[in-house]
């Protein structure tokens, strides 16, 4: 075989390989970008949910620290005790 013919065959095969590799790389990058967008959407939803959860915990903490729940529970026990005492005295 002539050396020029061998070089032409080599360059043809190399060019075909580069084109196939480029197409496969583009398809792979398309799927990677699609996955990253899905992950970004999931992260956004998690951030939104964590913000809402933080607000709920903040409201619960304020409710507990104000003593309204504790005072209601204690008041419920003391008010029942007072009713019994008033019932006993009558």
C-alpha atoms as a PDB file:
ATOM      1  CA  UNK A   1       0.000   0.000   0.000  1.00  0.00           C
ATOM      2  CA  UNK A   2       1.070   3.454  -0.726  1.00  0.00           C
ATOM      3  CA  UNK A   3       2.009   5.588   2.294  1.00  0.00           C
ATOM      4  CA  UNK A   4      -0.329   8.395   1.217  1.00  0.00           C
ATOM      5  CA  UNK A   5      -3.231   5.942   1.023  1.00  0.00           C
ATOM      6  CA  UNK A   6      -2.429   4.651   4.509  1.00  0.00           C
ATOM      7  CA  UNK A   7      -2.333   8.212   5.851  1.00  0.00           C
ATOM      8  CA  UNK A   8      -5.679   8.984   4.201  1.00  0.00           C
ATOM      9  CA  UNK A   9      -7.255   5.847   5.716  1.00  0.00           C
ATOM     10  CA  UNK A  10      -5.852   6.764   9.147  1.00  0.00           C
ATOM     11  CA  UNK A  11      -7.207  10.333   8.941  1.00  0.00           C
ATOM     12  CA  UNK A  12     -10.603   9.056   7.758  1.00  0.00           C
ATOM     13  CA  UNK A  13     -10.866   6.617  10.672  1.00  0.00           C
ATOM     14  CA  UNK A  14      -9.589   9.236  13.158  1.00  0.00           C
ATOM     15  CA  UNK A  15     -12.080  11.828  11.862  1.00  0.00           C
ATOM     16  CA  UNK A  16     -14.937   9.345  12.119  1.00  0.00           C
ATOM     17  CA  UNK A  17     -13.881   8.486  15.681  1.00  0.00           C
ATOM     18  CA  UNK A  18     -13.726  12.148  16.691  1.00  0.00           C
ATOM     19  CA  UNK A  19     -17.199  12.786  15.252  1.00  0.00           C
ATOM     20  CA  UNK A  20     -18.676   9.761  17.072  1.00  0.00           C
ATOM     21  CA  UNK A  21     -16.946  10.753  20.330  1.00  0.00           C
ATOM     22  CA  UNK A  22     -18.233  14.344  19.986  1.00  0.00           C
ATOM     23  CA  UNK A  23     -21.802  13.157  19.432  1.00  0.00           C
ATOM     24  CA  UNK A  24     -21.613  10.820  22.445  1.00  0.00           C
ATOM     25  CA  UNK A  25     -20.115  13.603  24.571  1.00  0.00           C
ATOM     26  CA  UNK A  26     -22.953  15.975  23.566  1.00  0.00           C
ATOM     27  CA  UNK A  27     -25.594  13.372  24.438  1.00  0.00           C
ATOM     28  CA  UNK A  28     -23.875  12.721  27.773  1.00  0.00           C
ATOM     29  CA  UNK A  29     -23.686  16.438  28.565  1.00  0.00           C
ATOM     30  CA  UNK A  30     -27.367  16.838  27.680  1.00  0.00           C
ATOM     31  CA  UNK A  31     -28.307  14.212  30.274  1.00  0.00           C
ATOM     32  CA  UNK A  32     -25.914  15.678  32.852  1.00  0.00           C
ATOM     33  CA  UNK A  33     -27.491  19.116  32.399  1.00  0.00           C
ATOM     34  CA  UNK A  34     -30.965  17.582  32.668  1.00  0.00           C
ATOM     35  CA  UNK A  35     -29.994  15.827  35.929  1.00  0.00           C
ATOM     36  CA  UNK A  36     -28.450  19.002  37.347  1.00  0.00           C
ATOM     37  CA  UNK A  37     -31.633  20.953  36.600  1.00  0.00           C
ATOM     38  CA  UNK A  38     -33.675  18.314  38.412  1.00  0.00           C
ATOM     39  CA  UNK A  39     -31.302  18.460  41.375  1.00  0.00           C
ATOM     40  CA  UNK A  40     -31.572  22.273  41.409  1.00  0.00           C
ATOM     41  CA  UNK A  41     -35.373  22.000  41.438  1.00  0.00           C
ATOM     42  CA  UNK A  42     -35.207  19.557  44.356  1.00  0.00           C
ATOM     43  CA  UNK A  43     -32.804  21.823  46.262  1.00  0.00           C
ATOM     44  CA  UNK A  44     -35.125  24.801  45.721  1.00  0.00           C
ATOM     45  CA  UNK A  45     -38.061  22.826  47.104  1.00  0.00           C
ATOM     46  CA  UNK A  46     -36.004  21.725  50.111  1.00  0.00           C
ATOM     47  CA  UNK A  47     -34.929  25.316  50.815  1.00  0.00           C
ATOM     48  CA  UNK A  48     -38.532  26.509  50.599  1.00  0.00           C
ATOM     49  CA  UNK A  49     -39.698  23.702  52.893  1.00  0.00           C
ATOM     50  CA  UNK A  50     -36.929  24.326  55.393  1.00  0.00           C
ATOM     51  CA  UNK A  51     -37.858  28.005  55.494  1.00  0.00           C
ATOM     52  CA  UNK A  52     -41.468  27.130  56.222  1.00  0.00           C
ATOM     53  CA  UNK A  53     -40.381  24.606  58.834  1.00  0.00           C
ATOM     54  CA  UNK A  54     -38.162  27.211  60.499  1.00  0.00           C
ATOM     55  CA  UNK A  55     -41.103  29.629  60.646  1.00  0.00           C
ATOM     56  CA  UNK A  56     -43.336  26.945  62.177  1.00  0.00           C
ATOM     57  CA  UNK A  57     -40.712  26.120  64.800  1.00  0.00           C
ATOM     58  CA  UNK A  58     -40.298  29.829  65.525  1.00  0.00           C
ATOM     59  CA  UNK A  59     -44.041  30.196  66.108  1.00  0.00           C
ATOM     60  CA  UNK A  60     -44.087  27.073  68.287  1.00  0.00           C
ATOM     61  CA  UNK A  61     -41.147  28.361  70.328  1.00  0.00           C
ATOM     62  CA  UNK A  62     -42.861  31.714  70.813  1.00  0.00           C
ATOM     63  CA  UNK A  63     -46.057  29.925  71.835  1.00  0.00           C
ATOM     64  CA  UNK A  64     -44.195  27.813  74.379  1.00  0.00           C
ATOM     65  CA  UNK A  65     -41.984  30.595  75.763  1.00  0.00           C
ATOM     66  CA  UNK A  66     -44.901  32.957  76.252  1.00  0.00           C
ATOM     67  CA  UNK A  67     -46.206  30.427  78.700  1.00  0.00           C
ATOM     68  CA  UNK A  68     -49.633  30.265  77.212  1.00  0.00           C
ATOM     69  CA  UNK A  69     -49.545  26.496  76.787  1.00  0.00           C
ATOM     70  CA  UNK A  70     -47.923  25.867  80.167  1.00  0.00           C
ATOM     71  CA  UNK A  71     -50.218  28.308  81.930  1.00  0.00           C
ATOM     72  CA  UNK A  72     -53.246  26.700  80.289  1.00  0.00           C
ATOM     73  CA  UNK A  73     -52.201  23.230  81.426  1.00  0.00           C
ATOM     74  CA  UNK A  74     -51.411  24.416  84.957  1.00  0.00           C
ATOM     75  CA  UNK A  75     -54.590  26.506  85.014  1.00  0.00           C
ATOM     76  CA  UNK A  76     -56.596  23.516  83.898  1.00  0.00           C
ATOM     77  CA  UNK A  77     -55.345  21.452  86.836  1.00  0.00           C
ATOM     78  CA  UNK A  78     -55.822  24.265  89.350  1.00  0.00           C
ATOM     79  CA  UNK A  79     -59.244  25.178  88.033  1.00  0.00           C
ATOM     80  CA  UNK A  80     -60.396  21.575  88.402  1.00  0.00           C
ATOM     81  CA  UNK A  81     -59.081  21.548  91.950  1.00  0.00           C
ATOM     82  CA  UNK A  82     -60.992  24.746  92.753  1.00  0.00           C
ATOM     83  CA  UNK A  83     -64.206  23.339  91.361  1.00  0.00           C
ATOM     84  CA  UNK A  84     -63.862  20.294  93.564  1.00  0.00           C
ATOM     85  CA  UNK A  85     -63.202  22.423  96.623  1.00  0.00           C
ATOM     86  CA  UNK A  86     -66.176  24.625  95.917  1.00  0.00           C
ATOM     87  CA  UNK A  87     -68.305  21.548  95.340  1.00  0.00           C
ATOM     88  CA  UNK A  88     -67.135  20.073  98.651  1.00  0.00           C
ATOM     89  CA  UNK A  89     -67.904  23.216 100.619  1.00  0.00           C
ATOM     90  CA  UNK A  90     -71.468  23.485  99.376  1.00  0.00           C
END
